[in-house]
Amino acid sequence: MGAVTFREALELIESLPEEDRRDLIDIVRRRLVEERRADIAKAIQAARGEWARGEVKGGTVDDLLRELPE
């Protein structure tokens, strides 16, 4: 099967019974949540690595603002 255009996907979805469309929505939402959760986990892992390597500095918001270029 070749690539399906967005329009074709919508038309296919619209041809499904209502209950199937609702199930599809639930599945897509769960998958999006899972993807977002995985992205957050990767960001946390990267931040922990930066912290462990000493690449992160502590400070206040004022400290941060003083370091920003004008």
PDB file of N, CA and C in Angstrom:
ATOM      1  N   MET A   1       0.848  -1.188   0.000  1.00  0.00           N
ATOM      2  CA  MET A   1       0.000   0.000   0.000  1.00  0.00           C
ATOM      3  C   MET A   1       0.887   1.242   0.000  1.00  0.00           C
ATOM      4  N   GLY A   2       0.579   2.185  -0.879  1.00  0.00           N
ATOM      5  CA  GLY A   2       1.354   3.410  -0.976  1.00  0.00           C
ATOM      6  C   GLY A   2       0.963   4.397   0.104  1.00  0.00           C
ATOM      7  N   ALA A   3       1.600   5.543   0.075  1.00  0.00           N
ATOM      8  CA  ALA A   3       1.304   6.593   1.037  1.00  0.00           C
ATOM      9  C   ALA A   3      -0.123   7.099   0.832  1.00  0.00           C
ATOM     10  N   VAL A   4      -0.775   7.386   1.928  1.00  0.00           N
ATOM     11  CA  VAL A   4      -2.155   7.882   1.896  1.00  0.00           C
ATOM     12  C   VAL A   4      -2.117   9.373   2.193  1.00  0.00           C
ATOM     13  N   THR A   5      -2.822  10.146   1.386  1.00  0.00           N
ATOM     14  CA  THR A   5      -2.871  11.581   1.643  1.00  0.00           C
ATOM     15  C   THR A   5      -3.767  11.856   2.853  1.00  0.00           C
ATOM     16  N   PHE A   6      -3.609  13.036   3.398  1.00  0.00           N
ATOM     17  CA  PHE A   6      -4.428  13.440   4.543  1.00  0.00           C
ATOM     18  C   PHE A   6      -5.907  13.382   4.167  1.00  0.00           C
ATOM     19  N   ARG A   7      -6.221  13.877   2.993  1.00  0.00           N
ATOM     20  CA  ARG A   7      -7.614  13.883   2.519  1.00  0.00           C
ATOM     21  C   ARG A   7      -8.165  12.454   2.416  1.00  0.00           C
ATOM     22  N   GLU A   8      -7.365  11.548   1.863  1.00  0.00           N
ATOM     23  CA  GLU A   8      -7.793  10.155   1.736  1.00  0.00           C
ATOM     24  C   GLU A   8      -8.014   9.520   3.107  1.00  0.00           C
ATOM     25  N   ALA A   9      -7.123   9.848   4.051  1.00  0.00           N
ATOM     26  CA  ALA A   9      -7.279   9.316   5.401  1.00  0.00           C
ATOM     27  C   ALA A   9      -8.584   9.818   6.018  1.00  0.00           C
ATOM     28  N   LEU A  10      -8.874  11.103   5.841  1.00  0.00           N
ATOM     29  CA  LEU A  10     -10.123  11.646   6.382  1.00  0.00           C
ATOM     30  C   LEU A  10     -11.339  10.976   5.757  1.00  0.00           C
ATOM     31  N   GLU A  11     -11.292  10.792   4.463  1.00  0.00           N
ATOM     32  CA  GLU A  11     -12.421  10.151   3.791  1.00  0.00           C
ATOM     33  C   GLU A  11     -12.614   8.717   4.286  1.00  0.00           C
ATOM     34  N   LEU A  12     -11.505   8.015   4.490  1.00  0.00           N
ATOM     35  CA  LEU A  12     -11.581   6.653   5.013  1.00  0.00           C
ATOM     36  C   LEU A  12     -12.175   6.646   6.424  1.00  0.00           C
ATOM     37  N   ILE A  13     -11.708   7.560   7.239  1.00  0.00           N
ATOM     38  CA  ILE A  13     -12.216   7.655   8.615  1.00  0.00           C
ATOM     39  C   ILE A  13     -13.704   7.973   8.611  1.00  0.00           C
ATOM     40  N   GLU A  14     -14.114   8.897   7.745  1.00  0.00           N
ATOM     41  CA  GLU A  14     -15.524   9.273   7.677  1.00  0.00           C
ATOM     42  C   GLU A  14     -16.405   8.107   7.223  1.00  0.00           C
ATOM     43  N   SER A  15     -15.813   7.137   6.542  1.00  0.00           N
ATOM     44  CA  SER A  15     -16.597   5.985   6.080  1.00  0.00           C
ATOM     45  C   SER A  15     -16.803   4.955   7.192  1.00  0.00           C
ATOM     46  N   LEU A  16     -16.089   5.087   8.293  1.00  0.00           N
ATOM     47  CA  LEU A  16     -16.221   4.142   9.405  1.00  0.00           C
ATOM     48  C   LEU A  16     -17.494   4.415  10.203  1.00  0.00           C
ATOM     49  N   PRO A  17     -18.012   3.393  10.860  1.00  0.00           N
ATOM     50  CA  PRO A  17     -19.150   3.616  11.763  1.00  0.00           C
ATOM     51  C   PRO A  17     -18.725   4.546  12.911  1.00  0.00           C
ATOM     52  N   GLU A  18     -19.693   5.220  13.495  1.00  0.00           N
ATOM     53  CA  GLU A  18     -19.403   6.206  14.548  1.00  0.00           C
ATOM     54  C   GLU A  18     -18.597   5.603  15.691  1.00  0.00           C
ATOM     55  N   GLU A  19     -18.962   4.415  16.126  1.00  0.00           N
ATOM     56  CA  GLU A  19     -18.246   3.798  17.258  1.00  0.00           C
ATOM     57  C   GLU A  19     -16.770   3.567  16.911  1.00  0.00           C
ATOM     58  N   ASP A  20     -16.502   3.141  15.688  1.00  0.00           N
ATOM     59  CA  ASP A  20     -15.118   2.934  15.256  1.00  0.00           C
ATOM     60  C   ASP A  20     -14.356   4.262  15.221  1.00  0.00           C
ATOM     61  N   ARG A  21     -15.029   5.324  14.764  1.00  0.00           N
ATOM     62  CA  ARG A  21     -14.379   6.641  14.740  1.00  0.00           C
ATOM     63  C   ARG A  21     -14.047   7.095  16.154  1.00  0.00           C
ATOM     64  N   ARG A  22     -14.959   6.870  17.096  1.00  0.00           N
ATOM     65  CA  ARG A  22     -14.687   7.239  18.498  1.00  0.00           C
ATOM     66  C   ARG A  22     -13.518   6.421  19.053  1.00  0.00           C
ATOM     67  N   ASP A  23     -13.490   5.131  18.734  1.00  0.00           N
ATOM     68  CA  ASP A  23     -12.370   4.286  19.172  1.00  0.00           C
ATOM     69  C   ASP A  23     -11.058   4.788  18.576  1.00  0.00           C
ATOM     70  N   LEU A  24     -11.090   5.155  17.306  1.00  0.00           N
ATOM     71  CA  LEU A  24      -9.899   5.664  16.643  1.00  0.00           C
ATOM     72  C   LEU A  24      -9.393   6.934  17.329  1.00  0.00           C
ATOM     73  N   ILE A  25     -10.311   7.820  17.662  1.00  0.00           N
ATOM     74  CA  ILE A  25      -9.934   9.052  18.361  1.00  0.00           C
ATOM     75  C   ILE A  25      -9.254   8.721  19.684  1.00  0.00           C
ATOM     76  N   ASP A  26      -9.824   7.790  20.427  1.00  0.00           N
ATOM     77  CA  ASP A  26      -9.229   7.392  21.707  1.00  0.00           C
ATOM     78  C   ASP A  26      -7.832   6.817  21.512  1.00  0.00           C
ATOM     79  N   ILE A  27      -7.667   5.980  20.513  1.00  0.00           N
ATOM     80  CA  ILE A  27      -6.362   5.371  20.248  1.00  0.00           C
ATOM     81  C   ILE A  27      -5.338   6.434  19.879  1.00  0.00           C
ATOM     82  N   VAL A  28      -5.703   7.340  19.005  1.00  0.00           N
ATOM     83  CA  VAL A  28      -4.781   8.394  18.571  1.00  0.00           C
ATOM     84  C   VAL A  28      -4.410   9.279  19.758  1.00  0.00           C
ATOM     85  N   ARG A  29      -5.364   9.641  20.577  1.00  0.00           N
ATOM     86  CA  ARG A  29      -5.070  10.466  21.756  1.00  0.00           C
ATOM     87  C   ARG A  29      -4.095   9.763  22.690  1.00  0.00           C
ATOM     88  N   ARG A  30      -4.331   8.473  22.936  1.00  0.00           N
ATOM     89  CA  ARG A  30      -3.420   7.713  23.820  1.00  0.00           C
ATOM     90  C   ARG A  30      -2.020   7.655  23.232  1.00  0.00           C
ATOM     91  N   ARG A  31      -1.934   7.458  21.939  1.00  0.00           N
ATOM     92  CA  ARG A  31      -0.609   7.388  21.301  1.00  0.00           C
ATOM     93  C   ARG A  31       0.103   8.733  21.377  1.00  0.00           C
ATOM     94  N   LEU A  32      -0.639   9.813  21.199  1.00  0.00           N
ATOM     95  CA  LEU A  32      -0.033  11.136  21.320  1.00  0.00           C
ATOM     96  C   LEU A  32       0.482  11.375  22.741  1.00  0.00           C
ATOM     97  N   VAL A  33      -0.299  10.954  23.721  1.00  0.00           N
ATOM     98  CA  VAL A  33       0.126  11.083  25.117  1.00  0.00           C
ATOM     99  C   VAL A  33       1.388  10.259  25.355  1.00  0.00           C
ATOM    100  N   GLU A  34       1.418   9.036  24.829  1.00  0.00           N
ATOM    101  CA  GLU A  34       2.594   8.175  24.993  1.00  0.00           C
ATOM    102  C   GLU A  34       3.823   8.796  24.330  1.00  0.00           C
ATOM    103  N   GLU A  35       3.648   9.370  23.137  1.00  0.00           N
ATOM    104  CA  GLU A  35       4.763  10.026  22.448  1.00  0.00           C
ATOM    105  C   GLU A  35       5.280  11.202  23.258  1.00  0.00           C
ATOM    106  N   ARG A  36       4.360  12.000  23.780  1.00  0.00           N
ATOM    107  CA  ARG A  36       4.750  13.166  24.582  1.00  0.00           C
ATOM    108  C   ARG A  36       5.487  12.712  25.841  1.00  0.00           C
ATOM    109  N   ARG A  37       4.981  11.662  26.463  1.00  0.00           N
ATOM    110  CA  ARG A  37       5.623  11.121  27.663  1.00  0.00           C
ATOM    111  C   ARG A  37       7.049  10.656  27.337  1.00  0.00           C
ATOM    112  N   ALA A  38       7.227  10.007  26.200  1.00  0.00           N
ATOM    113  CA  ALA A  38       8.561   9.548  25.793  1.00  0.00           C
ATOM    114  C   ALA A  38       9.485  10.742  25.531  1.00  0.00           C
ATOM    115  N   ASP A  39       8.953  11.790  24.901  1.00  0.00           N
ATOM    116  CA  ASP A  39       9.749  13.001  24.663  1.00  0.00           C
ATOM    117  C   ASP A  39      10.197  13.630  25.981  1.00  0.00           C
ATOM    118  N   ILE A  40       9.288  13.696  26.942  1.00  0.00           N
ATOM    119  CA  ILE A  40       9.621  14.264  28.246  1.00  0.00           C
ATOM    120  C   ILE A  40      10.681  13.411  28.939  1.00  0.00           C
ATOM    121  N   ALA A  41      10.542  12.089  28.853  1.00  0.00           N
ATOM    122  CA  ALA A  41      11.516  11.189  29.476  1.00  0.00           C
ATOM    123  C   ALA A  41      12.907  11.389  28.859  1.00  0.00           C
ATOM    124  N   LYS A  42      12.971  11.569  27.524  1.00  0.00           N
ATOM    125  CA  LYS A  42      14.255  11.821  26.866  1.00  0.00           C
ATOM    126  C   LYS A  42      14.863  13.140  27.341  1.00  0.00           C
ATOM    127  N   ALA A  43      14.024  14.171  27.468  1.00  0.00           N
ATOM    128  CA  ALA A  43      14.516  15.469  27.924  1.00  0.00           C
ATOM    129  C   ALA A  43      15.036  15.377  29.357  1.00  0.00           C
ATOM    130  N   ILE A  44      14.344  14.634  30.185  1.00  0.00           N
ATOM    131  CA  ILE A  44      14.782  14.450  31.571  1.00  0.00           C
ATOM    132  C   ILE A  44      16.116  13.715  31.606  1.00  0.00           C
ATOM    133  N   GLN A  45      16.238  12.667  30.796  1.00  0.00           N
ATOM    134  CA  GLN A  45      17.480  11.909  30.753  1.00  0.00           C
ATOM    135  C   GLN A  45      18.635  12.802  30.296  1.00  0.00           C
ATOM    136  N   ALA A  46      18.400  13.618  29.291  1.00  0.00           N
ATOM    137  CA  ALA A  46      19.441  14.526  28.802  1.00  0.00           C
ATOM    138  C   ALA A  46      19.816  15.539  29.880  1.00  0.00           C
ATOM    139  N   ALA A  47      18.828  16.085  30.572  1.00  0.00           N
ATOM    140  CA  ALA A  47      19.096  17.065  31.627  1.00  0.00           C
ATOM    141  C   ALA A  47      19.882  16.433  32.767  1.00  0.00           C
ATOM    142  N   ARG A  48      19.543  15.203  33.122  1.00  0.00           N
ATOM    143  CA  ARG A  48      20.291  14.516  34.184  1.00  0.00           C
ATOM    144  C   ARG A  48      21.741  14.288  33.763  1.00  0.00           C
ATOM    145  N   GLY A  49      21.947  13.964  32.493  1.00  0.00           N
ATOM    146  CA  GLY A  49      23.309  13.794  31.988  1.00  0.00           C
ATOM    147  C   GLY A  49      24.093  15.091  32.056  1.00  0.00           C
ATOM    148  N   GLU A  50      23.450  16.188  31.655  1.00  0.00           N
ATOM    149  CA  GLU A  50      24.097  17.495  31.727  1.00  0.00           C
ATOM    150  C   GLU A  50      24.446  17.842  33.171  1.00  0.00           C
ATOM    151  N   TRP A  51      23.537  17.537  34.074  1.00  0.00           N
ATOM    152  CA  TRP A  51      23.762  17.807  35.493  1.00  0.00           C
ATOM    153  C   TRP A  51      24.943  16.975  36.003  1.00  0.00           C
ATOM    154  N   ALA A  52      24.968  15.699  35.643  1.00  0.00           N
ATOM    155  CA  ALA A  52      26.037  14.804  36.094  1.00  0.00           C
ATOM    156  C   ALA A  52      27.401  15.238  35.552  1.00  0.00           C
ATOM    157  N   ARG A  53      27.424  15.814  34.353  1.00  0.00           N
ATOM    158  CA  ARG A  53      28.682  16.274  33.756  1.00  0.00           C
ATOM    159  C   ARG A  53      29.055  17.679  34.225  1.00  0.00           C
ATOM    160  N   GLY A  54      28.237  18.262  35.070  1.00  0.00           N
ATOM    161  CA  GLY A  54      28.527  19.607  35.580  1.00  0.00           C
ATOM    162  C   GLY A  54      28.260  20.707  34.567  1.00  0.00           C
ATOM    163  N   GLU A  55      27.411  20.434  33.602  1.00  0.00           N
ATOM    164  CA  GLU A  55      27.111  21.422  32.560  1.00  0.00           C
ATOM    165  C   GLU A  55      25.964  22.343  32.944  1.00  0.00           C
ATOM    166  N   VAL A  56      25.421  22.160  34.137  1.00  0.00           N
ATOM    167  CA  VAL A  56      24.278  22.959  34.590  1.00  0.00           C
ATOM    168  C   VAL A  56      24.722  23.796  35.776  1.00  0.00           C
ATOM    169  N   LYS A  57      24.353  25.075  35.737  1.00  0.00           N
ATOM    170  CA  LYS A  57      24.676  25.950  36.851  1.00  0.00           C
ATOM    171  C   LYS A  57      23.394  26.292  37.592  1.00  0.00           C
ATOM    172  N   GLY A  58      23.507  26.417  38.896  1.00  0.00           N
ATOM    173  CA  GLY A  58      22.372  26.844  39.694  1.00  0.00           C
ATOM    174  C   GLY A  58      22.361  28.356  39.813  1.00  0.00           C
ATOM    175  N   GLY A  59      21.248  28.880  40.219  1.00  0.00           N
ATOM    176  CA  GLY A  59      21.158  30.321  40.422  1.00  0.00           C
ATOM    177  C   GLY A  59      19.723  30.779  40.433  1.00  0.00           C
ATOM    178  N   THR A  60      19.575  32.059  40.600  1.00  0.00           N
ATOM    179  CA  THR A  60      18.246  32.661  40.625  1.00  0.00           C
ATOM    180  C   THR A  60      17.897  33.184  39.239  1.00  0.00           C
ATOM    181  N   VAL A  61      16.681  33.633  39.079  1.00  0.00           N
ATOM    182  CA  VAL A  61      16.263  34.251  37.815  1.00  0.00           C
ATOM    183  C   VAL A  61      17.099  35.488  37.553  1.00  0.00           C
ATOM    184  N   ASP A  62      17.367  36.254  38.602  1.00  0.00           N
ATOM    185  CA  ASP A  62      18.200  37.456  38.440  1.00  0.00           C
ATOM    186  C   ASP A  62      19.597  37.092  37.935  1.00  0.00           C
ATOM    187  N   ASP A  63      20.169  35.978  38.448  1.00  0.00           N
ATOM    188  CA  ASP A  63      21.477  35.526  37.972  1.00  0.00           C
ATOM    189  C   ASP A  63      21.421  35.217  36.482  1.00  0.00           C
ATOM    190  N   LEU A  64      20.386  34.528  36.071  1.00  0.00           N
ATOM    191  CA  LEU A  64      20.215  34.178  34.668  1.00  0.00           C
ATOM    192  C   LEU A  64      20.091  35.424  33.801  1.00  0.00           C
ATOM    193  N   LEU A  65      19.279  36.362  34.232  1.00  0.00           N
ATOM    194  CA  LEU A  65      19.077  37.584  33.456  1.00  0.00           C
ATOM    195  C   LEU A  65      20.364  38.372  33.311  1.00  0.00           C
ATOM    196  N   ARG A  66      21.214  38.366  34.349  1.00  0.00           N
ATOM    197  CA  ARG A  66      22.491  39.079  34.274  1.00  0.00           C
ATOM    198  C   ARG A  66      23.419  38.439  33.232  1.00  0.00           C
ATOM    199  N   GLU A  67      23.282  37.148  33.012  1.00  0.00           N
ATOM    200  CA  GLU A  67      24.151  36.445  32.065  1.00  0.00           C
ATOM    201  C   GLU A  67      23.690  36.590  30.617  1.00  0.00           C
ATOM    202  N   LEU A  68      22.469  37.001  30.404  1.00  0.00           N
ATOM    203  CA  LEU A  68      21.956  37.141  29.040  1.00  0.00           C
ATOM    204  C   LEU A  68      22.613  38.330  28.349  1.00  0.00           C
ATOM    205  N   PRO A  69      22.918  38.159  27.073  1.00  0.00           N
ATOM    206  CA  PRO A  69      23.484  39.306  26.339  1.00  0.00           C
ATOM    207  C   PRO A  69      22.428  40.399  26.174  1.00  0.00           C
ATOM    208  N   GLU A  70      22.897  41.592  26.155  1.00  0.00           N
ATOM    209  CA  GLU A  70      21.953  42.703  26.030  1.00  0.00           C
ATOM    210  C   GLU A  70      21.603  43.013  24.617  1.00  0.00           C
TER     211      GLU A  70
END
